[in-house]
Amino acid sequence: MPSGTVSVANNTVENLASFGTGTTGFVRGIWTVGAQGPSTVFTISNNTIRNLVTNSTSTSIANGGAGAAGIVLGFGMNSIIADNVISNIARTNTGATGGFTVGIAGANATRTTITRNRISGLSNSSTSTTLTVRALLPVWSSAPASPSP
C-alpha cells in the first residue's frame, strides 16, 4: 500500500445529498479510504463542511462508516484533524433503526490528534432509542485518538 503525507486543507464542501434505497446510501464531506495505506500521515485542516443530507438506512459504524458524516479518517498514522468547521449534517430516514450522524469519525487509524474543530447542527430523524448523533465517533484500530479542545 502507498504511504506518504497527504494534506486536505482550505476546502469548502457543501450542499451534498445522497438519496437511495437500503443501506448503500451515505454522505460524507471528506473521506480518506484504505487505498492510501495505514502509514499515510493525513492533515485535514481549515475545511468548511456544511449542508450534507442522506436518507441512509445503514446502521453500521464499521470503519467509521456512518450514514452521514462530515469527516471520516479511514486510515492513517500520526494524522491531524484540526480547525475544521462542520455544520448541518443530517440523516433524514425516519425508521426505527439507529443509523449514525457524526461530525468526525475515525477508523483504522493510529495516534490521531483531533483538535480545535467546530461541530454543530448534527441531526438524525430516526425514531431509535439509542444515541445516534455524535460529534466524534472514534473507532480506532489501536492507539486511541487524542481529542483536545
Protein backbone atom coordinates (compact mmCIF):
# COMPACT_ATOMS: atom_id res chain seq x y z
CA MET A 1 0.00 0.00 0.00
CA PRO A 2 1.19 3.51 -0.67
CA SER A 3 2.23 5.81 2.13
CA GLY A 4 3.34 9.39 2.50
CA THR A 5 1.86 12.68 3.57
CA VAL A 6 -1.50 13.96 2.38
CA SER A 7 -2.93 17.40 3.13
CA VAL A 8 -6.61 18.19 2.70
CA ALA A 9 -6.86 21.87 3.54
CA ASN A 10 -8.80 25.06 2.88
CA ASN A 11 -11.71 23.43 1.04
CA THR A 12 -15.43 24.08 1.14
CA VAL A 13 -17.68 21.05 0.76
CA GLU A 14 -21.35 21.96 0.82
CA ASN A 15 -24.84 21.11 -0.35
CA LEU A 16 -24.33 17.37 -0.93
CA ALA A 17 -27.28 14.98 -0.92
CA SER A 18 -27.34 11.19 -1.22
CA PHE A 19 -30.73 9.58 -1.58
CA GLY A 20 -31.11 5.92 -2.40
CA THR A 21 -32.59 2.71 -1.18
CA GLY A 22 -31.43 0.39 1.53
CA THR A 23 -28.13 0.57 3.36
CA THR A 24 -25.85 1.60 0.49
CA GLY A 25 -26.54 5.31 0.56
CA PHE A 26 -24.39 7.66 2.60
CA VAL A 27 -22.99 11.18 2.54
CA ARG A 28 -19.50 12.23 3.66
CA GLY A 29 -17.77 15.57 3.24
CA ILE A 30 -14.16 14.32 3.38
CA TRP A 31 -13.35 10.62 3.42
CA THR A 32 -9.91 9.01 3.38
CA VAL A 33 -10.19 5.42 2.21
CA GLY A 34 -7.90 2.46 2.79
CA ALA A 35 -6.10 2.73 -0.56
CA GLN A 36 -3.78 5.38 0.86
CA GLY A 37 -2.27 2.90 3.29
CA PRO A 38 -2.09 2.61 7.06
CA SER A 39 1.17 4.59 7.40
CA THR A 40 -0.02 7.65 5.49
CA VAL A 41 0.02 10.86 7.53
CA PHE A 42 -3.07 12.99 6.91
CA THR A 43 -3.51 16.61 7.83
CA ILE A 44 -7.16 17.59 7.42
CA SER A 45 -7.43 21.24 8.36
CA ASN A 46 -9.21 24.53 7.83
CA ASN A 47 -12.05 22.99 5.81
CA THR A 48 -15.69 24.04 5.87
CA ILE A 49 -18.18 21.19 5.52
CA ARG A 50 -21.87 22.04 5.64
CA ASN A 51 -25.35 21.13 4.46
CA LEU A 52 -24.93 17.37 3.85
CA VAL A 53 -28.03 15.15 3.84
CA THR A 54 -28.89 11.48 3.28
CA ASN A 55 -31.82 9.14 3.81
CA SER A 56 -29.46 6.23 4.54
CA THR A 57 -30.83 3.24 6.47
CA SER A 58 -27.36 1.92 7.28
CA THR A 59 -26.87 1.15 10.97
CA SER A 60 -23.20 0.22 10.63
CA ILE A 61 -20.34 2.21 12.05
CA ALA A 62 -17.72 -0.30 10.89
CA ASN A 63 -14.62 1.51 9.65
CA GLY A 64 -16.15 4.83 10.66
CA GLY A 65 -18.87 4.30 8.06
CA ALA A 66 -21.68 6.38 9.48
CA GLY A 67 -24.61 7.13 7.19
CA ALA A 68 -23.93 10.87 7.41
CA ALA A 69 -20.50 12.28 8.34
CA GLY A 70 -18.53 15.46 7.96
CA ILE A 71 -15.06 13.84 8.02
CA VAL A 72 -14.15 10.14 8.03
CA LEU A 73 -10.49 9.22 8.57
CA GLY A 74 -10.36 5.69 7.18
CA PHE A 75 -6.65 5.00 7.65
CA GLY A 76 -3.58 6.91 8.72
CA MET A 77 -0.83 7.26 11.29
CA ASN A 78 0.02 10.35 13.35
CA SER A 79 -2.67 12.26 11.47
CA ILE A 80 -4.14 15.61 12.48
CA ILE A 81 -7.74 16.77 12.08
CA ALA A 82 -7.79 20.42 13.12
CA ASP A 83 -9.57 23.76 12.72
CA ASN A 84 -12.42 22.46 10.56
CA VAL A 85 -15.97 23.84 10.66
CA ILE A 86 -18.62 21.14 10.28
CA SER A 87 -22.32 22.05 10.34
CA ASN A 88 -25.77 20.90 9.28
CA ILE A 89 -25.15 17.19 8.68
CA ALA A 90 -28.47 15.31 8.52
CA ARG A 91 -29.77 11.76 8.26
CA THR A 92 -33.45 12.11 7.31
CA ASN A 93 -34.60 8.48 7.42
CA THR A 94 -37.41 8.24 9.99
CA GLY A 95 -37.19 4.48 10.54
CA ALA A 96 -36.63 2.86 13.92
CA THR A 97 -33.14 1.61 13.01
CA GLY A 98 -30.45 3.70 14.64
CA GLY A 99 -28.09 4.84 11.88
CA PHE A 100 -25.43 7.37 12.80
CA THR A 101 -24.84 11.04 12.05
CA VAL A 102 -21.36 12.20 13.07
CA GLY A 103 -19.15 15.24 12.74
CA ILE A 104 -15.81 13.37 12.69
CA ALA A 105 -15.46 9.59 12.52
CA GLY A 106 -12.26 7.60 12.68
CA ALA A 107 -11.40 4.02 11.90
CA ASN A 108 -8.23 2.00 11.48
CA ALA A 109 -6.02 4.98 12.24
CA THR A 110 -3.35 5.22 14.91
CA ARG A 111 -2.20 8.16 17.04
CA THR A 112 -4.62 10.69 15.54
CA THR A 113 -4.91 14.17 17.04
CA ILE A 114 -8.31 15.88 16.76
CA THR A 115 -8.24 19.49 17.90
CA ARG A 116 -9.97 22.88 17.58
CA ASN A 117 -12.79 21.69 15.29
CA ARG A 118 -16.20 23.37 15.47
CA ILE A 119 -19.11 20.97 15.02
CA SER A 120 -22.79 21.98 15.11
CA GLY A 121 -26.18 21.19 13.64
CA LEU A 122 -25.99 17.38 13.53
CA SER A 123 -29.39 15.71 13.20
CA ASN A 124 -30.91 12.28 12.81
CA SER A 125 -34.61 11.75 12.17
CA SER A 126 -34.58 8.11 13.30
CA THR A 127 -37.06 7.05 15.95
CA SER A 128 -34.47 4.72 17.51
CA THR A 129 -33.98 4.98 21.26
CA THR A 130 -30.17 4.59 21.02
CA LEU A 131 -27.76 7.50 20.73
CA THR A 132 -27.19 8.03 17.03
CA VAL A 133 -25.80 11.59 16.77
CA ARG A 134 -22.23 12.20 17.85
CA ALA A 135 -19.72 14.97 17.32
CA LEU A 136 -16.84 12.44 17.47
CA LEU A 137 -17.05 8.74 16.71
CA PRO A 138 -13.68 7.10 17.30
CA VAL A 139 -13.42 3.53 16.02
CA TRP A 140 -9.63 3.29 16.13
CA SER A 141 -7.61 0.18 15.40
CA SER A 142 -5.00 0.62 18.14
CA ALA A 143 -3.69 3.68 19.99
CA PRO A 144 -6.68 5.86 20.88
CA ALA A 145 -7.49 9.20 19.36
CA SER A 146 -6.37 12.28 21.18
CA PRO A 147 -9.25 14.76 21.09
CA SER A 148 -8.50 18.10 22.65
CA PRO A 149 -10.31 21.44 22.87
